[in-house]
């Protein structure tokens, strides 16, 4: 491996992590409607929790389907 390919590999790794972090934060903001938990009503907190659980299930299903595709 030459130095250029190593730099590309490392930069892709950091870019992938940053992108995934941003997507997760965006989903959390959408599920919680951008409010902190202290400003939400009980119903809004329950809906945000259910949204996070749904996202967790979707991620797990995507991970399983990727494994089955191998």
Protein backbone atom coordinates (compact mmCIF):
# COMPACT_ATOMS: atom_id res chain seq x y z
CA UNK A 1 0.00 0.00 0.00
CA UNK A 2 1.24 3.41 -0.77
CA UNK A 3 0.86 6.44 1.45
CA UNK A 4 -1.92 7.99 -0.66
CA UNK A 5 -4.21 4.97 -0.30
CA UNK A 6 -3.64 4.87 3.46
CA UNK A 7 -4.61 8.55 3.77
CA UNK A 8 -7.72 7.93 1.63
CA UNK A 9 -8.72 4.96 3.77
CA UNK A 10 -8.35 6.91 7.02
CA UNK A 11 -10.21 9.95 5.68
CA UNK A 12 -13.10 7.73 4.48
CA UNK A 13 -13.27 6.13 7.92
CA UNK A 14 -13.57 9.51 9.66
CA UNK A 15 -16.04 10.81 7.09
CA UNK A 16 -18.23 7.71 7.54
CA UNK A 17 -18.22 8.12 11.31
CA UNK A 18 -19.07 11.82 11.07
CA UNK A 19 -21.88 11.15 8.61
CA UNK A 20 -23.37 8.39 10.76
CA UNK A 21 -23.16 10.63 13.83
CA UNK A 22 -24.96 13.43 11.99
CA UNK A 23 -27.68 11.10 10.73
CA UNK A 24 -28.27 9.73 14.23
CA UNK A 25 -28.46 13.22 15.71
CA UNK A 26 -30.91 14.28 13.01
CA UNK A 27 -33.14 11.28 13.66
CA UNK A 28 -33.06 11.97 17.39
CA UNK A 29 -33.98 15.61 16.79
CA UNK A 30 -36.86 14.60 14.50
CA UNK A 31 -38.11 12.01 16.99
CA UNK A 32 -37.96 14.51 19.85
CA UNK A 33 -39.10 17.46 17.73
CA UNK A 34 -35.92 19.29 18.75
CA UNK A 35 -37.00 19.95 22.33
CA UNK A 36 -35.10 19.01 25.45
CA UNK A 37 -36.86 16.43 27.62
CA UNK A 38 -37.57 19.00 30.33
CA UNK A 39 -39.73 21.06 27.93
CA UNK A 40 -41.74 18.11 26.60
CA UNK A 41 -45.08 16.93 27.91
CA UNK A 42 -45.43 13.32 29.02
CA UNK A 43 -47.11 12.42 25.72
CA UNK A 44 -44.28 14.01 23.71
CA UNK A 45 -41.68 12.14 25.77
CA UNK A 46 -43.52 8.85 25.17
CA UNK A 47 -43.71 9.53 21.44
CA UNK A 48 -39.98 10.42 21.32
CA UNK A 49 -39.13 7.21 23.18
CA UNK A 50 -41.23 5.13 20.80
CA UNK A 51 -39.57 6.83 17.85
CA UNK A 52 -36.12 6.00 19.18
CA UNK A 53 -37.17 2.38 19.75
CA UNK A 54 -38.48 2.19 16.18
CA UNK A 55 -35.21 3.56 14.83
CA UNK A 56 -33.28 1.03 16.92
CA UNK A 57 -35.39 -1.80 15.46
CA UNK A 58 -34.89 -0.48 11.92
CA UNK A 59 -31.12 -0.35 12.40
CA UNK A 60 -31.12 -3.89 13.77
CA UNK A 61 -33.21 -5.13 10.81
CA UNK A 62 -30.85 -3.41 8.35
CA UNK A 63 -27.84 -4.99 10.05
CA UNK A 64 -29.44 -8.46 9.91
CA UNK A 65 -30.40 -8.06 6.25
CA UNK A 66 -26.84 -7.04 5.39
CA UNK A 67 -25.55 -10.18 7.13
CA UNK A 68 -28.00 -12.36 5.21
CA UNK A 69 -26.89 -10.78 1.94
CA UNK A 70 -23.30 -11.88 2.43
